[in-house]
Amino acid sequence: MNEPLIDPDTAEDQARCRPEALHDVAGKLSRDLLPQLEALRYQVTDLPQGAAGTWDIAQGYADTVGRARQATGETVGFVAEQVQRVIDDLVATADTVRDADRRAVPRSE
């Protein structure tokens, strides 16, 4: 198990952020999860034309399957967008913290 970044028992009213840890998480999401979601979006298959038959009830089922496939693809696309937002937020937070740390270091004269 990974060591928590913040120990609640000793943190009191302080919070610490390790920019490299945020960059690592963003990198893993970008490399491991996001490509799988993008690929999955286009791998959801539909019924081949005429597979359900030609009678009315079968056509209704085929239409339902088609709508479900479309909704699944759209949902996976939405999830991928949200994951990308998380990645962007992690990187932005890490960069902001790193920049603030650099500005807070006293400069020697």
N, C-alpha and C. Protein backbone atom coordinates (compact mmCIF):
# COMPACT_ATOMS: atom_id res chain seq x y z
N MET A 1 0.84 -1.19 0.00
CA MET A 1 0.00 0.00 0.00
C MET A 1 0.88 1.24 0.00
N ASN A 2 0.46 2.26 -0.73
CA ASN A 2 1.22 3.50 -0.80
C ASN A 2 1.05 4.31 0.46
N GLU A 3 2.11 5.01 0.83
CA GLU A 3 2.08 5.89 1.99
C GLU A 3 1.23 7.11 1.64
N PRO A 4 0.32 7.52 2.52
CA PRO A 4 -0.51 8.69 2.19
C PRO A 4 0.36 9.94 2.07
N LEU A 5 -0.04 10.84 1.18
CA LEU A 5 0.71 12.07 1.00
C LEU A 5 0.57 13.00 2.19
N ILE A 6 -0.57 12.94 2.86
CA ILE A 6 -0.80 13.78 4.04
C ILE A 6 -1.25 12.87 5.18
N ASP A 7 -0.58 12.97 6.31
CA ASP A 7 -0.97 12.22 7.50
C ASP A 7 -1.95 13.08 8.29
N PRO A 8 -3.23 12.70 8.32
CA PRO A 8 -4.23 13.54 8.99
C PRO A 8 -3.93 13.78 10.47
N ASP A 9 -3.23 12.85 11.12
CA ASP A 9 -2.94 13.00 12.55
C ASP A 9 -1.92 14.12 12.82
N THR A 10 -1.05 14.38 11.87
CA THR A 10 -0.02 15.39 12.10
C THR A 10 -0.19 16.62 11.23
N ALA A 11 -1.15 16.64 10.35
CA ALA A 11 -1.30 17.74 9.40
C ALA A 11 -1.81 19.02 10.05
N GLU A 12 -2.61 18.88 11.10
CA GLU A 12 -3.24 20.02 11.75
C GLU A 12 -3.92 20.89 10.70
N ASP A 13 -3.54 22.16 10.60
CA ASP A 13 -4.20 23.03 9.63
C ASP A 13 -3.31 23.29 8.41
N GLN A 14 -2.32 22.43 8.22
CA GLN A 14 -1.42 22.58 7.09
C GLN A 14 -1.68 21.50 6.05
N ALA A 15 -1.48 21.86 4.85
CA ALA A 15 -1.57 20.89 3.76
C ALA A 15 -0.29 20.96 2.96
N ARG A 16 0.16 19.82 2.50
CA ARG A 16 1.37 19.77 1.69
C ARG A 16 1.02 19.19 0.33
N CYS A 17 1.67 19.69 -0.64
CA CYS A 17 1.45 19.19 -2.00
C CYS A 17 2.81 18.90 -2.61
N ARG A 18 2.96 17.69 -3.11
CA ARG A 18 4.19 17.31 -3.80
C ARG A 18 3.88 17.34 -5.30
N PRO A 19 4.33 18.37 -5.99
CA PRO A 19 4.02 18.50 -7.42
C PRO A 19 4.41 17.27 -8.22
N GLU A 20 5.53 16.65 -7.89
CA GLU A 20 5.95 15.48 -8.65
C GLU A 20 4.96 14.33 -8.50
N ALA A 21 4.32 14.22 -7.34
CA ALA A 21 3.31 13.17 -7.15
C ALA A 21 2.09 13.43 -8.03
N LEU A 22 1.68 14.70 -8.12
CA LEU A 22 0.55 15.04 -8.99
C LEU A 22 0.89 14.80 -10.46
N HIS A 23 2.11 15.15 -10.85
CA HIS A 23 2.54 14.90 -12.23
C HIS A 23 2.59 13.40 -12.52
N ASP A 24 3.02 12.60 -11.53
CA ASP A 24 3.07 11.14 -11.71
C ASP A 24 1.66 10.58 -11.94
N VAL A 25 0.71 11.03 -11.14
CA VAL A 25 -0.67 10.54 -11.28
C VAL A 25 -1.24 10.97 -12.63
N ALA A 26 -1.01 12.21 -13.00
CA ALA A 26 -1.50 12.70 -14.30
C ALA A 26 -0.88 11.90 -15.44
N GLY A 27 0.41 11.59 -15.32
CA GLY A 27 1.08 10.81 -16.35
C GLY A 27 0.51 9.41 -16.48
N LYS A 28 0.26 8.78 -15.34
CA LYS A 28 -0.31 7.43 -15.35
C LYS A 28 -1.71 7.43 -15.97
N LEU A 29 -2.52 8.41 -15.61
CA LEU A 29 -3.86 8.51 -16.20
C LEU A 29 -3.77 8.72 -17.71
N SER A 30 -2.85 9.58 -18.12
CA SER A 30 -2.68 9.87 -19.54
C SER A 30 -2.19 8.65 -20.32
N ARG A 31 -1.29 7.90 -19.73
CA ARG A 31 -0.71 6.74 -20.42
C ARG A 31 -1.58 5.50 -20.35
N ASP A 32 -2.16 5.25 -19.17
CA ASP A 32 -2.81 3.97 -18.93
C ASP A 32 -4.33 3.98 -19.13
N LEU A 33 -4.99 5.00 -18.66
CA LEU A 33 -6.46 4.99 -18.67
C LEU A 33 -7.06 5.69 -19.88
N LEU A 34 -6.59 6.89 -20.17
CA LEU A 34 -7.21 7.68 -21.23
C LEU A 34 -7.19 6.98 -22.60
N PRO A 35 -6.07 6.39 -23.01
CA PRO A 35 -6.09 5.70 -24.31
C PRO A 35 -7.07 4.53 -24.36
N GLN A 36 -7.22 3.84 -23.25
CA GLN A 36 -8.18 2.73 -23.21
C GLN A 36 -9.61 3.23 -23.36
N LEU A 37 -9.92 4.33 -22.70
CA LEU A 37 -11.26 4.91 -22.83
C LEU A 37 -11.53 5.37 -24.25
N GLU A 38 -10.55 6.04 -24.84
CA GLU A 38 -10.72 6.52 -26.21
C GLU A 38 -10.92 5.35 -27.17
N ALA A 39 -10.17 4.28 -26.98
CA ALA A 39 -10.30 3.11 -27.85
C ALA A 39 -11.64 2.41 -27.63
N LEU A 40 -12.06 2.31 -26.39
CA LEU A 40 -13.32 1.64 -26.06
C LEU A 40 -14.50 2.32 -26.72
N ARG A 41 -14.42 3.61 -26.80
CA ARG A 41 -15.49 4.40 -27.39
C ARG A 41 -15.86 3.92 -28.80
N TYR A 42 -14.87 3.44 -29.54
CA TYR A 42 -15.10 3.01 -30.92
C TYR A 42 -15.16 1.49 -31.06
N GLN A 43 -15.06 0.78 -29.94
CA GLN A 43 -15.11 -0.68 -30.00
C GLN A 43 -16.48 -1.25 -29.64
N VAL A 44 -17.39 -0.41 -29.23
CA VAL A 44 -18.74 -0.87 -28.89
C VAL A 44 -19.42 -1.27 -30.20
N THR A 45 -19.76 -2.54 -30.30
CA THR A 45 -20.31 -3.02 -31.57
C THR A 45 -21.82 -2.93 -31.60
N ASP A 46 -22.34 -2.93 -32.79
CA ASP A 46 -23.77 -2.86 -33.03
C ASP A 46 -24.20 -4.19 -33.67
N LEU A 47 -25.48 -4.44 -33.69
CA LEU A 47 -25.97 -5.63 -34.39
C LEU A 47 -25.76 -5.46 -35.89
N PRO A 48 -25.31 -6.49 -36.55
CA PRO A 48 -25.22 -6.38 -38.01
C PRO A 48 -26.62 -6.17 -38.60
N GLN A 49 -26.66 -5.50 -39.72
CA GLN A 49 -27.94 -5.23 -40.38
C GLN A 49 -28.68 -6.54 -40.65
N GLY A 50 -29.93 -6.62 -40.24
CA GLY A 50 -30.77 -7.78 -40.46
C GLY A 50 -30.57 -8.91 -39.48
N ALA A 51 -29.68 -8.76 -38.49
CA ALA A 51 -29.39 -9.84 -37.54
C ALA A 51 -30.60 -10.18 -36.68
N ALA A 52 -31.42 -9.21 -36.38
CA ALA A 52 -32.56 -9.45 -35.50
C ALA A 52 -33.77 -10.00 -36.25
N GLY A 53 -33.71 -9.96 -37.54
CA GLY A 53 -34.85 -10.42 -38.33
C GLY A 53 -35.64 -9.24 -38.87
N THR A 54 -36.73 -9.57 -39.53
CA THR A 54 -37.50 -8.51 -40.18
C THR A 54 -38.84 -8.24 -39.53
N TRP A 55 -39.25 -9.06 -38.59
CA TRP A 55 -40.56 -8.83 -37.99
C TRP A 55 -40.51 -7.65 -37.03
N ASP A 56 -41.63 -7.06 -36.74
CA ASP A 56 -41.73 -5.79 -36.02
C ASP A 56 -41.04 -5.80 -34.65
N ILE A 57 -41.30 -6.83 -33.86
CA ILE A 57 -40.72 -6.88 -32.51
C ILE A 57 -39.21 -6.98 -32.59
N ALA A 58 -38.70 -7.80 -33.50
CA ALA A 58 -37.25 -7.92 -33.66
C ALA A 58 -36.64 -6.59 -34.09
N GLN A 59 -37.30 -5.88 -34.97
CA GLN A 59 -36.80 -4.58 -35.40
C GLN A 59 -36.78 -3.59 -34.24
N GLY A 60 -37.78 -3.68 -33.37
CA GLY A 60 -37.81 -2.83 -32.18
C GLY A 60 -36.62 -3.12 -31.27
N TYR A 61 -36.31 -4.42 -31.07
CA TYR A 61 -35.14 -4.79 -30.28
C TYR A 61 -33.86 -4.29 -30.93
N ALA A 62 -33.76 -4.43 -32.23
CA ALA A 62 -32.57 -3.97 -32.95
C ALA A 62 -32.39 -2.46 -32.80
N ASP A 63 -33.49 -1.72 -32.87
CA ASP A 63 -33.42 -0.27 -32.68
C ASP A 63 -32.97 0.07 -31.26
N THR A 64 -33.48 -0.68 -30.28
CA THR A 64 -33.09 -0.46 -28.89
C THR A 64 -31.60 -0.73 -28.70
N VAL A 65 -31.11 -1.80 -29.29
CA VAL A 65 -29.68 -2.13 -29.19
C VAL A 65 -28.85 -1.02 -29.84
N GLY A 66 -29.30 -0.52 -30.96
CA GLY A 66 -28.59 0.57 -31.63
C GLY A 66 -28.51 1.82 -30.78
N ARG A 67 -29.64 2.17 -30.15
CA ARG A 67 -29.65 3.34 -29.26
C ARG A 67 -28.76 3.11 -28.04
N ALA A 68 -28.77 1.89 -27.51
CA ALA A 68 -27.93 1.57 -26.36
C ALA A 68 -26.45 1.66 -26.73
N ARG A 69 -26.10 1.18 -27.92
CA ARG A 69 -24.71 1.27 -28.37
C ARG A 69 -24.29 2.72 -28.50
N GLN A 70 -25.15 3.54 -29.09
CA GLN A 70 -24.84 4.96 -29.25
C GLN A 70 -24.69 5.64 -27.89
N ALA A 71 -25.60 5.35 -26.97
CA ALA A 71 -25.54 5.95 -25.64
C ALA A 71 -24.28 5.51 -24.90
N THR A 72 -23.91 4.25 -25.06
CA THR A 72 -22.69 3.74 -24.41
C THR A 72 -21.46 4.47 -24.95
N GLY A 73 -21.39 4.62 -26.27
CA GLY A 73 -20.27 5.34 -26.86
C GLY A 73 -20.19 6.78 -26.38
N GLU A 74 -21.33 7.44 -26.30
CA GLU A 74 -21.36 8.82 -25.83
C GLU A 74 -20.96 8.91 -24.36
N THR A 75 -21.40 7.95 -23.56
CA THR A 75 -21.05 7.94 -22.14
C THR A 75 -19.56 7.73 -21.94
N VAL A 76 -18.98 6.79 -22.68
CA VAL A 76 -17.54 6.56 -22.59
C VAL A 76 -16.79 7.82 -23.03
N GLY A 77 -17.28 8.49 -24.05
CA GLY A 77 -16.66 9.75 -24.48
C GLY A 77 -16.73 10.81 -23.39
N PHE A 78 -17.87 10.88 -22.71
CA PHE A 78 -18.02 11.83 -21.61
C PHE A 78 -17.04 11.51 -20.48
N VAL A 79 -16.92 10.24 -20.14
CA VAL A 79 -15.98 9.83 -19.08
C VAL A 79 -14.55 10.19 -19.49
N ALA A 80 -14.20 9.95 -20.74
CA ALA A 80 -12.85 10.31 -21.22
C ALA A 80 -12.61 11.81 -21.08
N GLU A 81 -13.61 12.61 -21.40
CA GLU A 81 -13.48 14.07 -21.24
C GLU A 81 -13.26 14.44 -19.78
N GLN A 82 -13.98 13.79 -18.89
CA GLN A 82 -13.82 14.08 -17.46
C GLN A 82 -12.45 13.66 -16.96
N VAL A 83 -11.96 12.52 -17.41
CA VAL A 83 -10.62 12.08 -17.03
C VAL A 83 -9.59 13.09 -17.54
N GLN A 84 -9.77 13.58 -18.75
CA GLN A 84 -8.85 14.59 -19.28
C GLN A 84 -8.88 15.86 -18.44
N ARG A 85 -10.06 16.24 -17.96
CA ARG A 85 -10.16 17.41 -17.09
C ARG A 85 -9.42 17.19 -15.78
N VAL A 86 -9.54 15.98 -15.23
CA VAL A 86 -8.80 15.65 -13.99
C VAL A 86 -7.30 15.76 -14.24
N ILE A 87 -6.85 15.20 -15.36
CA ILE A 87 -5.42 15.27 -15.71
C ILE A 87 -4.98 16.72 -15.81
N ASP A 88 -5.74 17.52 -16.54
CA ASP A 88 -5.39 18.94 -16.70
C ASP A 88 -5.36 19.66 -15.35
N ASP A 89 -6.32 19.36 -14.48
CA ASP A 89 -6.36 19.99 -13.15
C ASP A 89 -5.17 19.56 -12.29
N LEU A 90 -4.80 18.28 -12.36
CA LEU A 90 -3.63 17.81 -11.60
C LEU A 90 -2.37 18.53 -12.04
N VAL A 91 -2.18 18.63 -13.33
CA VAL A 91 -0.99 19.30 -13.86
C VAL A 91 -1.00 20.78 -13.50
N ALA A 92 -2.14 21.43 -13.64
CA ALA A 92 -2.23 22.85 -13.31
C ALA A 92 -1.95 23.09 -11.83
N THR A 93 -2.49 22.25 -10.97
CA THR A 93 -2.25 22.39 -9.52
C THR A 93 -0.78 22.17 -9.20
N ALA A 94 -0.19 21.14 -9.78
CA ALA A 94 1.23 20.87 -9.54
C ALA A 94 2.09 22.04 -10.01
N ASP A 95 1.79 22.57 -11.18
CA ASP A 95 2.57 23.70 -11.71
C ASP A 95 2.39 24.94 -10.85
N THR A 96 1.18 25.19 -10.38
CA THR A 96 0.93 26.34 -9.51
C THR A 96 1.70 26.23 -8.21
N VAL A 97 1.68 25.04 -7.61
CA VAL A 97 2.41 24.83 -6.35
C VAL A 97 3.91 24.99 -6.58
N ARG A 98 4.41 24.40 -7.64
CA ARG A 98 5.84 24.50 -7.93
C ARG A 98 6.24 25.96 -8.15
N ASP A 99 5.43 26.72 -8.90
CA ASP A 99 5.73 28.13 -9.12
C ASP A 99 5.68 28.93 -7.82
N ALA A 100 4.69 28.63 -6.98
CA ALA A 100 4.58 29.33 -5.70
C ALA A 100 5.77 29.01 -4.80
N ASP A 101 6.21 27.76 -4.80
CA ASP A 101 7.39 27.38 -4.00
C ASP A 101 8.63 28.13 -4.48
N ARG A 102 8.77 28.26 -5.78
CA ARG A 102 9.95 28.96 -6.33
C ARG A 102 9.93 30.45 -5.93
N ARG A 103 8.75 31.05 -5.95
CA ARG A 103 8.65 32.46 -5.58
C ARG A 103 8.83 32.66 -4.08
N ALA A 104 8.50 31.65 -3.28
CA ALA A 104 8.59 31.80 -1.83
C ALA A 104 10.01 31.63 -1.30
N VAL A 105 10.88 31.04 -2.09
CA VAL A 105 12.26 30.84 -1.64
C VAL A 105 12.96 32.19 -1.64
N PRO A 106 13.52 32.55 -0.49
CA PRO A 106 14.23 33.84 -0.43
C PRO A 106 15.45 33.81 -1.35
N ARG A 107 15.66 34.92 -2.02
CA ARG A 107 16.81 35.02 -2.93
C ARG A 107 17.99 35.60 -2.17
N SER A 108 19.13 35.05 -2.42
CA SER A 108 20.33 35.59 -1.77
C SER A 108 20.83 36.79 -2.59
N GLU A 109 21.36 37.75 -1.90
CA GLU A 109 21.81 38.97 -2.59
C GLU A 109 23.27 38.91 -2.86
